[in-house]
Amino acid sequence: TVKSSALIEAAELAASIAGSETGICHIQNGLGNFETVSRIFPAHLVVSGMTITGYEIVRPGEIGITVYGGPGKIGCMPLVNDRFGQVANRQARQLAEFLNATPLVFEYSEDIQSFLWAKLLYNCCLNPLGALLRVPYGKLLDSQCLSIMRSVLDEAFALADAMNVSLFWPGPDAYFEHLIGTLIPATAGHEPSMLADLNRSRPTEIDAMNGYIVARSEELGLEAPVNRILTNLIKASLALQPKKT
């Protein structure tokens, strides 16, 4: 698991030491990561994962957990299920069982795509806004950000509908209530990873989050103006950060 911005480099490095039938599991924020890894590894060897865990670097060699949202999920994307079925899913199940023998807790899911989309919705609403305003997620409930989040969700749900993606909520209204009533209060003190990236002048994961919504919407003839603005503002903010030497 690496940041989505470092995924190509990491996958190429893994491929250089992998055997012809070595599987790989990627766990990143956002979407589009499966497609990236599948350009380097055969699709039937690629397992996708999702975890809702927040980390912070306490000091070199020590990482603290700031948020734990329960067991992670591991499974195969629809493209893999459609083409390779049981063979690919057996690999995902075995990996979940292996990880559960360690302090890491993961569950096998036959619908990993919906879990990845669920985390995408959360990140698209909170990560860029928290980074731009430099506040933890809880502060976004006390600001003028709610209407922005709602527009982000409208665009994301429109894209999911156009892509025939099944989500856990019937529409943006239901998810919005879940977000402000449950998710944000549970992670109110968490600062966005995107803010940490900006503070360190490092590439962010915006292209795999709001940028993904923008790019895929364009491909399908949809508009995503609010996600586009957030994407551009994060990129502009990074460009204005002092370069680290």
C-alpha atoms as a PDB file:
ATOM      1  CA  THR A   1       0.000   0.000   0.000  1.00  0.00           C
ATOM      2  CA  VAL A   2       1.339   3.375  -1.077  1.00  0.00           C
ATOM      3  CA  LYS A   3      -0.238   6.704  -1.970  1.00  0.00           C
ATOM      4  CA  SER A   4      -2.061   6.555  -5.293  1.00  0.00           C
ATOM      5  CA  SER A   5       0.391   9.158  -6.620  1.00  0.00           C
ATOM      6  CA  ALA A   6       3.243   6.653  -6.097  1.00  0.00           C
ATOM      7  CA  LEU A   7       1.367   3.590  -7.343  1.00  0.00           C
ATOM      8  CA  ILE A   8       2.935   3.244 -10.801  1.00  0.00           C
ATOM      9  CA  GLU A   9       6.456   3.325  -9.399  1.00  0.00           C
ATOM     10  CA  ALA A  10       5.571   0.841  -6.649  1.00  0.00           C
ATOM     11  CA  ALA A  11       3.805  -1.546  -9.052  1.00  0.00           C
ATOM     12  CA  GLU A  12       6.726  -1.484 -11.477  1.00  0.00           C
ATOM     13  CA  LEU A  13       9.120  -2.233  -8.624  1.00  0.00           C
ATOM     14  CA  ALA A  14       6.927  -5.120  -7.467  1.00  0.00           C
ATOM     15  CA  ALA A  15       6.721  -6.474 -11.015  1.00  0.00           C
ATOM     16  CA  SER A  16      10.520  -6.495 -11.276  1.00  0.00           C
ATOM     17  CA  ILE A  17      10.746  -9.100  -8.489  1.00  0.00           C
ATOM     18  CA  ALA A  18       7.455 -10.964  -9.048  1.00  0.00           C
ATOM     19  CA  GLY A  19       7.008 -14.300 -10.747  1.00  0.00           C
ATOM     20  CA  SER A  20       4.756 -14.810 -13.762  1.00  0.00           C
ATOM     21  CA  GLU A  21       1.842 -15.920 -11.554  1.00  0.00           C
ATOM     22  CA  THR A  22       2.519 -13.723  -8.525  1.00  0.00           C
ATOM     23  CA  GLY A  23      -0.581 -11.901  -7.348  1.00  0.00           C
ATOM     24  CA  ILE A  24      -0.628  -8.335  -6.084  1.00  0.00           C
ATOM     25  CA  CYS A  25      -3.018  -6.537  -3.746  1.00  0.00           C
ATOM     26  CA  HIS A  26      -3.317  -2.761  -3.915  1.00  0.00           C
ATOM     27  CA  ILE A  27      -4.870  -0.676  -1.123  1.00  0.00           C
ATOM     28  CA  GLN A  28      -5.186   3.031  -1.893  1.00  0.00           C
ATOM     29  CA  ASN A  29      -7.609   5.889  -1.520  1.00  0.00           C
ATOM     30  CA  GLY A  30      -9.718   6.757  -4.520  1.00  0.00           C
ATOM     31  CA  LEU A  31     -10.470   4.968  -7.771  1.00  0.00           C
ATOM     32  CA  GLY A  32      -8.575   4.238 -10.955  1.00  0.00           C
ATOM     33  CA  ASN A  33      -5.898   2.358  -9.026  1.00  0.00           C
ATOM     34  CA  PHE A  34      -6.997  -1.079 -10.231  1.00  0.00           C
ATOM     35  CA  GLU A  35      -6.648   0.106 -13.818  1.00  0.00           C
ATOM     36  CA  THR A  36      -3.159   1.438 -13.068  1.00  0.00           C
ATOM     37  CA  VAL A  37      -1.950  -1.829 -11.536  1.00  0.00           C
ATOM     38  CA  SER A  38      -3.604  -3.861 -14.318  1.00  0.00           C
ATOM     39  CA  ARG A  39      -1.417  -2.134 -16.883  1.00  0.00           C
ATOM     40  CA  ILE A  40       1.585  -3.727 -15.183  1.00  0.00           C
ATOM     41  CA  PHE A  41       0.204  -7.004 -13.772  1.00  0.00           C
ATOM     42  CA  PRO A  42      -2.303  -9.332 -15.500  1.00  0.00           C
ATOM     43  CA  ALA A  43      -5.784  -8.362 -14.321  1.00  0.00           C
ATOM     44  CA  HIS A  44      -6.577 -11.820 -12.935  1.00  0.00           C
ATOM     45  CA  LEU A  45      -3.655 -11.466 -10.509  1.00  0.00           C
ATOM     46  CA  VAL A  46      -4.812  -8.104  -9.120  1.00  0.00           C
ATOM     47  CA  VAL A  47      -6.719  -8.008  -5.823  1.00  0.00           C
ATOM     48  CA  SER A  48      -8.228  -4.722  -4.615  1.00  0.00           C
ATOM     49  CA  GLY A  49      -8.493  -3.644  -1.003  1.00  0.00           C
ATOM     50  CA  MET A  50      -9.967  -0.906   1.151  1.00  0.00           C
ATOM     51  CA  THR A  51      -9.413   0.131   4.747  1.00  0.00           C
ATOM     52  CA  ILE A  52     -10.761   3.011   6.816  1.00  0.00           C
ATOM     53  CA  THR A  53      -7.761   3.680   8.995  1.00  0.00           C
ATOM     54  CA  GLY A  54      -6.080   7.018   9.583  1.00  0.00           C
ATOM     55  CA  TYR A  55      -2.361   7.184  10.232  1.00  0.00           C
ATOM     56  CA  GLU A  56       0.135   9.817  11.242  1.00  0.00           C
ATOM     57  CA  ILE A  57       3.918   9.761  11.367  1.00  0.00           C
ATOM     58  CA  VAL A  58       4.817  10.256  15.025  1.00  0.00           C
ATOM     59  CA  ARG A  59       8.554  10.118  14.362  1.00  0.00           C
ATOM     60  CA  PRO A  60      10.770   8.249  11.893  1.00  0.00           C
ATOM     61  CA  GLY A  61       9.983   4.569  12.239  1.00  0.00           C
ATOM     62  CA  GLU A  62       6.856   5.120  14.360  1.00  0.00           C
ATOM     63  CA  ILE A  63       3.324   5.425  12.958  1.00  0.00           C
ATOM     64  CA  GLY A  64       0.265   6.199  15.053  1.00  0.00           C
ATOM     65  CA  ILE A  65      -3.330   5.208  14.240  1.00  0.00           C
ATOM     66  CA  THR A  66      -5.708   8.171  14.462  1.00  0.00           C
ATOM     67  CA  VAL A  67      -8.862   6.547  13.056  1.00  0.00           C
ATOM     68  CA  TYR A  68      -9.962   2.912  12.906  1.00  0.00           C
ATOM     69  CA  GLY A  69     -13.163   2.203  11.031  1.00  0.00           C
ATOM     70  CA  GLY A  70     -13.309  -1.562  11.443  1.00  0.00           C
ATOM     71  CA  PRO A  71     -12.000  -4.452   9.338  1.00  0.00           C
ATOM     72  CA  GLY A  72     -10.668  -3.720   5.880  1.00  0.00           C
ATOM     73  CA  LYS A  73     -12.137  -5.314   2.762  1.00  0.00           C
ATOM     74  CA  ILE A  74     -10.430  -7.364   0.053  1.00  0.00           C
ATOM     75  CA  GLY A  75     -11.928  -8.597  -3.191  1.00  0.00           C
ATOM     76  CA  CYS A  76     -11.842  -8.529  -6.977  1.00  0.00           C
ATOM     77  CA  MET A  77     -13.191  -5.776  -9.187  1.00  0.00           C
ATOM     78  CA  PRO A  78     -16.119  -6.581 -11.534  1.00  0.00           C
ATOM     79  CA  LEU A  79     -13.838  -6.851 -14.585  1.00  0.00           C
ATOM     80  CA  VAL A  80     -11.842  -9.589 -12.854  1.00  0.00           C
ATOM     81  CA  ASN A  81     -14.952 -11.371 -11.565  1.00  0.00           C
ATOM     82  CA  ASP A  82     -16.552 -11.359 -15.012  1.00  0.00           C
ATOM     83  CA  ARG A  83     -13.502 -12.768 -16.788  1.00  0.00           C
ATOM     84  CA  PHE A  84     -11.819 -14.996 -14.239  1.00  0.00           C
ATOM     85  CA  GLY A  85     -14.435 -15.721 -11.573  1.00  0.00           C
ATOM     86  CA  GLN A  86     -13.547 -18.362  -9.019  1.00  0.00           C
ATOM     87  CA  VAL A  87      -9.793 -18.443  -9.691  1.00  0.00           C
ATOM     88  CA  ALA A  88      -9.299 -14.776  -8.882  1.00  0.00           C
ATOM     89  CA  ASN A  89     -11.674 -14.797  -5.926  1.00  0.00           C
ATOM     90  CA  ARG A  90      -9.918 -17.796  -4.404  1.00  0.00           C
ATOM     91  CA  GLN A  91      -6.747 -15.740  -4.344  1.00  0.00           C
ATOM     92  CA  ALA A  92      -8.547 -12.836  -2.644  1.00  0.00           C
ATOM     93  CA  ARG A  93     -10.064 -15.148  -0.026  1.00  0.00           C
ATOM     94  CA  GLN A  94      -6.679 -16.700   0.723  1.00  0.00           C
ATOM     95  CA  LEU A  95      -5.099 -13.284   1.168  1.00  0.00           C
ATOM     96  CA  ALA A  96      -7.842 -12.190   3.579  1.00  0.00           C
ATOM     97  CA  GLU A  97      -7.323 -15.364   5.620  1.00  0.00           C
ATOM     98  CA  PHE A  98      -3.566 -14.797   5.684  1.00  0.00           C
ATOM     99  CA  LEU A  99      -3.904 -11.202   6.859  1.00  0.00           C
ATOM    100  CA  ASN A 100      -6.338 -12.204   9.575  1.00  0.00           C
ATOM    101  CA  ALA A 101      -3.568 -14.314  11.113  1.00  0.00           C
ATOM    102  CA  THR A 102      -1.696 -11.044  11.717  1.00  0.00           C
ATOM    103  CA  PRO A 103      -2.675  -7.897  13.672  1.00  0.00           C
ATOM    104  CA  LEU A 104      -4.266  -6.656  10.433  1.00  0.00           C
ATOM    105  CA  VAL A 105      -7.965  -7.515  10.093  1.00  0.00           C
ATOM    106  CA  PHE A 106      -9.497  -7.855   6.626  1.00  0.00           C
ATOM    107  CA  GLU A 107     -12.670  -9.451   5.329  1.00  0.00           C
ATOM    108  CA  TYR A 108     -13.277 -10.889   1.878  1.00  0.00           C
ATOM    109  CA  SER A 109     -15.970  -9.038  -0.067  1.00  0.00           C
ATOM    110  CA  GLU A 110     -17.700 -10.025  -3.280  1.00  0.00           C
ATOM    111  CA  ASP A 111     -18.548  -6.344  -3.825  1.00  0.00           C
ATOM    112  CA  ILE A 112     -15.257  -4.530  -3.265  1.00  0.00           C
ATOM    113  CA  GLN A 113     -16.188  -1.912  -5.872  1.00  0.00           C
ATOM    114  CA  SER A 114     -19.062  -0.618  -3.727  1.00  0.00           C
ATOM    115  CA  PHE A 115     -16.777  -0.348  -0.698  1.00  0.00           C
ATOM    116  CA  LEU A 116     -14.199   1.567  -2.745  1.00  0.00           C
ATOM    117  CA  TRP A 117     -16.911   3.934  -3.935  1.00  0.00           C
ATOM    118  CA  ALA A 118     -18.146   4.414  -0.365  1.00  0.00           C
ATOM    119  CA  LYS A 119     -14.708   5.565   0.715  1.00  0.00           C
ATOM    120  CA  LEU A 120     -14.395   7.693  -2.425  1.00  0.00           C
ATOM    121  CA  LEU A 121     -17.560   9.596  -1.485  1.00  0.00           C
ATOM    122  CA  TYR A 122     -16.205  10.219   2.019  1.00  0.00           C
ATOM    123  CA  ASN A 123     -12.825  11.393   0.768  1.00  0.00           C
ATOM    124  CA  CYS A 124     -14.188  13.600  -2.009  1.00  0.00           C
ATOM    125  CA  CYS A 125     -16.371  15.472   0.474  1.00  0.00           C
ATOM    126  CA  LEU A 126     -13.844  15.905   3.267  1.00  0.00           C
ATOM    127  CA  ASN A 127     -10.226  15.543   2.180  1.00  0.00           C
ATOM    128  CA  PRO A 128      -9.877  18.551  -0.155  1.00  0.00           C
ATOM    129  CA  LEU A 129     -12.072  20.868   1.919  1.00  0.00           C
ATOM    130  CA  GLY A 130     -10.229  20.015   5.117  1.00  0.00           C
ATOM    131  CA  ALA A 131      -6.892  20.491   3.361  1.00  0.00           C
ATOM    132  CA  LEU A 132      -7.802  23.827   1.777  1.00  0.00           C
ATOM    133  CA  LEU A 133      -9.270  25.216   5.005  1.00  0.00           C
ATOM    134  CA  ARG A 134      -6.571  23.525   7.120  1.00  0.00           C
ATOM    135  CA  VAL A 135      -9.032  22.107   9.641  1.00  0.00           C
ATOM    136  CA  PRO A 136      -9.995  18.656  10.992  1.00  0.00           C
ATOM    137  CA  TYR A 137     -13.149  17.106   9.593  1.00  0.00           C
ATOM    138  CA  GLY A 138     -15.381  18.089  12.505  1.00  0.00           C
ATOM    139  CA  LYS A 139     -14.893  21.780  11.760  1.00  0.00           C
ATOM    140  CA  LEU A 140     -16.496  21.310   8.355  1.00  0.00           C
ATOM    141  CA  LEU A 141     -19.867  20.848  10.061  1.00  0.00           C
ATOM    142  CA  ASP A 142     -19.584  24.335  11.544  1.00  0.00           C
ATOM    143  CA  SER A 143     -18.763  26.071   8.294  1.00  0.00           C
ATOM    144  CA  GLN A 144     -20.363  26.949   4.989  1.00  0.00           C
ATOM    145  CA  CYS A 145     -19.036  23.705   3.539  1.00  0.00           C
ATOM    146  CA  LEU A 146     -22.188  21.603   3.712  1.00  0.00           C
ATOM    147  CA  SER A 147     -23.593  22.909   0.429  1.00  0.00           C
ATOM    148  CA  ILE A 148     -20.254  22.225  -1.265  1.00  0.00           C
ATOM    149  CA  MET A 149     -20.249  18.653   0.028  1.00  0.00           C
ATOM    150  CA  ARG A 150     -23.803  18.198  -1.214  1.00  0.00           C
ATOM    151  CA  SER A 151     -22.817  19.324  -4.714  1.00  0.00           C
ATOM    152  CA  VAL A 152     -19.810  16.994  -4.673  1.00  0.00           C
ATOM    153  CA  LEU A 153     -22.184  14.134  -3.897  1.00  0.00           C
ATOM    154  CA  ASP A 154     -24.672  15.105  -6.609  1.00  0.00           C
ATOM    155  CA  GLU A 155     -21.911  14.884  -9.212  1.00  0.00           C
ATOM    156  CA  ALA A 156     -20.483  11.646  -7.803  1.00  0.00           C
ATOM    157  CA  PHE A 157     -23.853   9.876  -7.690  1.00  0.00           C
ATOM    158  CA  ALA A 158     -24.628  11.014 -11.240  1.00  0.00           C
ATOM    159  CA  LEU A 159     -21.366   9.446 -12.376  1.00  0.00           C
ATOM    160  CA  ALA A 160     -22.000   6.209 -10.485  1.00  0.00           C
ATOM    161  CA  ASP A 161     -25.424   5.978 -12.116  1.00  0.00           C
ATOM    162  CA  ALA A 162     -23.931   6.533 -15.576  1.00  0.00           C
ATOM    163  CA  MET A 163     -21.331   3.833 -14.884  1.00  0.00           C
ATOM    164  CA  ASN A 164     -23.977   1.394 -13.571  1.00  0.00           C
ATOM    165  CA  VAL A 165     -22.153   1.183 -10.255  1.00  0.00           C
ATOM    166  CA  SER A 166     -24.210  -0.133  -7.351  1.00  0.00           C
ATOM    167  CA  LEU A 167     -23.832   1.981  -4.200  1.00  0.00           C
ATOM    168  CA  PHE A 168     -24.955   1.278  -0.639  1.00  0.00           C
ATOM    169  CA  TRP A 169     -27.235   4.357  -0.614  1.00  0.00           C
ATOM    170  CA  PRO A 170     -30.166   5.040  -2.959  1.00  0.00           C
ATOM    171  CA  GLY A 171     -29.074   8.604  -3.669  1.00  0.00           C
ATOM    172  CA  PRO A 172     -27.039  11.604  -2.504  1.00  0.00           C
ATOM    173  CA  ASP A 173     -29.630  12.637   0.098  1.00  0.00           C
ATOM    174  CA  ALA A 174     -29.291   9.351   1.983  1.00  0.00           C
ATOM    175  CA  TYR A 175     -25.506   9.427   1.898  1.00  0.00           C
ATOM    176  CA  PHE A 176     -25.386  13.080   2.958  1.00  0.00           C
ATOM    177  CA  GLU A 177     -27.424  12.289   6.063  1.00  0.00           C
ATOM    178  CA  HIS A 178     -25.088   9.385   6.836  1.00  0.00           C
ATOM    179  CA  LEU A 179     -22.057  11.618   6.321  1.00  0.00           C
ATOM    180  CA  ILE A 180     -23.077  14.470   8.593  1.00  0.00           C
ATOM    181  CA  GLY A 181     -24.898  12.334  11.147  1.00  0.00           C
ATOM    182  CA  THR A 182     -22.469   9.434  11.546  1.00  0.00           C
ATOM    183  CA  LEU A 183     -19.210   9.611   9.608  1.00  0.00           C
ATOM    184  CA  ILE A 184     -18.023  13.135  10.365  1.00  0.00           C
ATOM    185  CA  PRO A 185     -18.816  12.970  14.110  1.00  0.00           C
ATOM    186  CA  ALA A 186     -16.894   9.675  14.321  1.00  0.00           C
ATOM    187  CA  THR A 187     -13.786  11.226  12.718  1.00  0.00           C
ATOM    188  CA  ALA A 188     -14.239  14.819  13.886  1.00  0.00           C
ATOM    189  CA  GLY A 189     -10.674  15.233  15.142  1.00  0.00           C
ATOM    190  CA  HIS A 190      -8.989  13.653  12.122  1.00  0.00           C
ATOM    191  CA  GLU A 191      -6.935  15.946   9.910  1.00  0.00           C
ATOM    192  CA  PRO A 192      -6.939  15.126   6.196  1.00  0.00           C
ATOM    193  CA  SER A 193      -3.988  13.268   4.735  1.00  0.00           C
ATOM    194  CA  MET A 194      -4.118  15.747   1.875  1.00  0.00           C
ATOM    195  CA  LEU A 195      -3.240  18.542   4.298  1.00  0.00           C
ATOM    196  CA  ALA A 196      -0.190  16.593   5.461  1.00  0.00           C
ATOM    197  CA  ASP A 197       0.842  16.180   1.817  1.00  0.00           C
ATOM    198  CA  LEU A 198       0.484  19.910   1.154  1.00  0.00           C
ATOM    199  CA  ASN A 199       2.454  20.769   4.284  1.00  0.00           C
ATOM    200  CA  ARG A 200       5.279  18.530   3.071  1.00  0.00           C
ATOM    201  CA  SER A 201       5.037  19.743  -0.549  1.00  0.00           C
ATOM    202  CA  ARG A 202       4.288  16.182  -1.659  1.00  0.00           C
ATOM    203  CA  PRO A 203       1.979  15.048  -4.470  1.00  0.00           C
ATOM    204  CA  THR A 204      -1.581  14.550  -3.246  1.00  0.00           C
ATOM    205  CA  GLU A 205      -4.140  11.881  -4.126  1.00  0.00           C
ATOM    206  CA  ILE A 206      -6.587  14.396  -5.595  1.00  0.00           C
ATOM    207  CA  ASP A 207      -6.481  12.792  -9.067  1.00  0.00           C
ATOM    208  CA  ALA A 208      -7.752   9.513  -7.592  1.00  0.00           C
ATOM    209  CA  MET A 209     -10.500  11.295  -5.655  1.00  0.00           C
ATOM    210  CA  ASN A 210     -12.282  14.396  -6.988  1.00  0.00           C
ATOM    211  CA  GLY A 211     -10.071  14.286 -10.069  1.00  0.00           C
ATOM    212  CA  TYR A 212     -11.382  10.810 -10.833  1.00  0.00           C
ATOM    213  CA  ILE A 213     -14.949  12.123 -10.701  1.00  0.00           C
ATOM    214  CA  VAL A 214     -13.986  14.907 -13.111  1.00  0.00           C
ATOM    215  CA  ALA A 215     -12.114  12.708 -15.589  1.00  0.00           C
ATOM    216  CA  ARG A 216     -14.702   9.930 -15.771  1.00  0.00           C
ATOM    217  CA  SER A 217     -17.565  12.441 -15.952  1.00  0.00           C
ATOM    218  CA  GLU A 218     -15.895  14.092 -18.935  1.00  0.00           C
ATOM    219  CA  GLU A 219     -15.558  10.733 -20.672  1.00  0.00           C
ATOM    220  CA  LEU A 220     -19.284  10.108 -20.228  1.00  0.00           C
ATOM    221  CA  GLY A 221     -20.431  13.598 -21.207  1.00  0.00           C
ATOM    222  CA  LEU A 222     -21.309  14.702 -17.675  1.00  0.00           C
ATOM    223  CA  GLU A 223     -20.436  17.916 -15.860  1.00  0.00           C
ATOM    224  CA  ALA A 224     -18.632  17.933 -12.507  1.00  0.00           C
ATOM    225  CA  PRO A 225     -17.866  21.628 -11.877  1.00  0.00           C
ATOM    226  CA  VAL A 226     -17.593  21.501  -8.078  1.00  0.00           C
ATOM    227  CA  ASN A 227     -15.271  18.509  -8.099  1.00  0.00           C
ATOM    228  CA  ARG A 228     -13.253  20.255 -10.811  1.00  0.00           C
ATOM    229  CA  ILE A 229     -12.857  23.412  -8.722  1.00  0.00           C
ATOM    230  CA  LEU A 230     -11.722  21.426  -5.683  1.00  0.00           C
ATOM    231  CA  THR A 231      -9.264  19.462  -7.822  1.00  0.00           C
ATOM    232  CA  ASN A 232      -7.805  22.619  -9.338  1.00  0.00           C
ATOM    233  CA  LEU A 233      -7.567  24.393  -5.975  1.00  0.00           C
ATOM    234  CA  ILE A 234      -5.634  21.508  -4.429  1.00  0.00           C
ATOM    235  CA  LYS A 235      -3.244  21.442  -7.390  1.00  0.00           C
ATOM    236  CA  ALA A 236      -2.801  25.216  -7.197  1.00  0.00           C
ATOM    237  CA  SER A 237      -2.190  25.028  -3.457  1.00  0.00           C
ATOM    238  CA  LEU A 238       0.488  22.374  -3.956  1.00  0.00           C
ATOM    239  CA  ALA A 239       2.167  24.439  -6.675  1.00  0.00           C
ATOM    240  CA  LEU A 240       2.361  27.414  -4.302  1.00  0.00           C
ATOM    241  CA  GLN A 241       3.941  25.443  -1.461  1.00  0.00           C
ATOM    242  CA  PRO A 242       7.645  26.110  -0.860  1.00  0.00           C
ATOM    243  CA  LYS A 243       9.762  23.370  -2.367  1.00  0.00           C
ATOM    244  CA  LYS A 244      11.363  21.043   0.161  1.00  0.00           C
ATOM    245  CA  THR A 245      15.081  20.515  -0.208  1.00  0.00           C
END
